[in-house]
Amino acid sequence: MIPPAGMAIAALTVMLWILWSDSIRARRSTPILYALRIALYLIVGAILVLNRLRYPSLFSTAATVLVALAVLVSLFGAYWFGRRLVARG
């Protein structure tokens, strides 16, 4: 089983990589990909919060901070891709 801190670090790595790759891309993606990315970011953030609330004994202070940081990145990512989606139309 992946420890909570490891899950938060993995989520941060993937989310930041997707944001970075989208920011340097010259061509814009299709609207459906932006919608899927928004859903992905919100779902990942919700799962991290749900795990933190459901299993509080597994989370150290550092793991809680990493989860909070990952949730902030997921909200920012959903906002980023939502803005890109709306700018297309």
Protein backbone atom coordinates (compact mmCIF):
# COMPACT_ATOMS: atom_id res chain seq x y z
CA MET A 1 0.00 0.00 0.00
CA ILE A 2 1.23 3.49 -0.83
CA PRO A 3 1.60 5.71 2.25
CA PRO A 4 -0.46 8.93 2.26
CA ALA A 5 2.59 11.13 1.75
CA GLY A 6 3.62 9.03 -1.24
CA MET A 7 0.17 9.32 -2.78
CA ALA A 8 0.20 13.11 -2.34
CA ILE A 9 3.68 13.38 -3.85
CA ALA A 10 2.67 11.21 -6.81
CA ALA A 11 -0.46 13.29 -7.38
CA LEU A 12 1.56 16.51 -7.18
CA THR A 13 4.12 15.20 -9.65
CA VAL A 14 1.53 14.18 -12.24
CA MET A 15 -0.61 17.30 -11.84
CA LEU A 16 2.34 19.68 -12.08
CA TRP A 17 3.70 17.80 -15.09
CA ILE A 18 0.35 18.08 -16.89
CA LEU A 19 0.17 21.81 -16.10
CA TRP A 20 3.73 22.35 -17.27
CA SER A 21 3.27 20.40 -20.49
CA ASP A 22 0.09 22.33 -21.29
CA SER A 23 1.74 25.69 -20.62
CA ILE A 24 4.59 25.07 -23.10
CA ARG A 25 2.42 23.51 -25.81
CA ALA A 26 2.05 25.78 -28.85
CA ARG A 27 -1.16 24.11 -30.07
CA ARG A 28 -4.21 23.96 -27.87
CA SER A 29 -5.83 20.66 -27.07
CA THR A 30 -9.40 19.75 -27.95
CA PRO A 31 -12.15 20.95 -25.59
CA ILE A 32 -12.94 17.40 -24.44
CA LEU A 33 -9.38 17.00 -23.15
CA TYR A 34 -9.72 20.20 -21.14
CA ALA A 35 -13.00 18.94 -19.68
CA LEU A 36 -11.39 15.60 -18.78
CA ARG A 37 -8.45 17.36 -17.15
CA ILE A 38 -10.79 19.52 -15.07
CA ALA A 39 -12.65 16.40 -13.92
CA LEU A 40 -9.37 14.58 -13.22
CA TYR A 41 -7.99 17.40 -11.08
CA LEU A 42 -11.21 17.79 -9.07
CA ILE A 43 -11.58 14.03 -8.55
CA VAL A 44 -7.97 13.63 -7.40
CA GLY A 45 -8.34 16.52 -4.96
CA ALA A 46 -11.58 15.06 -3.62
CA ILE A 47 -10.05 11.60 -3.18
CA LEU A 48 -7.12 13.05 -1.24
CA VAL A 49 -9.46 14.97 1.07
CA LEU A 50 -11.72 11.94 1.47
CA ASN A 51 -8.77 9.74 2.44
CA ARG A 52 -7.56 12.37 4.90
CA LEU A 53 -10.99 12.52 6.55
CA ARG A 54 -11.66 8.78 6.43
CA TYR A 55 -8.27 7.60 7.72
CA PRO A 56 -6.87 10.39 9.94
CA SER A 57 -4.63 8.02 11.90
CA LEU A 58 -2.56 7.24 8.79
CA PHE A 59 -1.64 10.88 8.15
CA SER A 60 1.28 12.55 9.86
CA THR A 61 1.59 16.33 9.94
CA ALA A 62 3.87 16.27 6.90
CA ALA A 63 1.44 14.04 4.99
CA THR A 64 -1.42 16.40 5.86
CA VAL A 65 0.58 19.36 4.57
CA LEU A 66 1.36 17.48 1.35
CA VAL A 67 -2.31 16.63 0.90
CA ALA A 68 -3.28 20.28 1.43
CA LEU A 69 -0.68 21.35 -1.13
CA ALA A 70 -1.92 18.73 -3.62
CA VAL A 71 -5.51 19.90 -3.14
CA LEU A 72 -4.45 23.51 -3.78
CA VAL A 73 -2.66 22.43 -6.96
CA SER A 74 -5.73 20.44 -8.04
CA LEU A 75 -7.98 23.48 -7.56
CA PHE A 76 -5.54 25.70 -9.42
CA GLY A 77 -5.25 23.14 -12.21
CA ALA A 78 -9.03 22.89 -12.56
CA TYR A 79 -9.19 26.69 -12.72
CA TRP A 80 -6.34 26.79 -15.27
CA PHE A 81 -7.94 24.27 -17.60
CA GLY A 82 -11.39 25.78 -17.10
CA ARG A 83 -10.03 29.15 -18.17
CA ARG A 84 -8.41 27.54 -21.22
CA LEU A 85 -11.67 25.75 -22.06
CA VAL A 86 -13.73 28.93 -21.88
CA ALA A 87 -11.16 30.91 -23.87
CA ARG A 88 -11.65 28.53 -26.80
CA GLY A 89 -15.29 29.46 -27.28
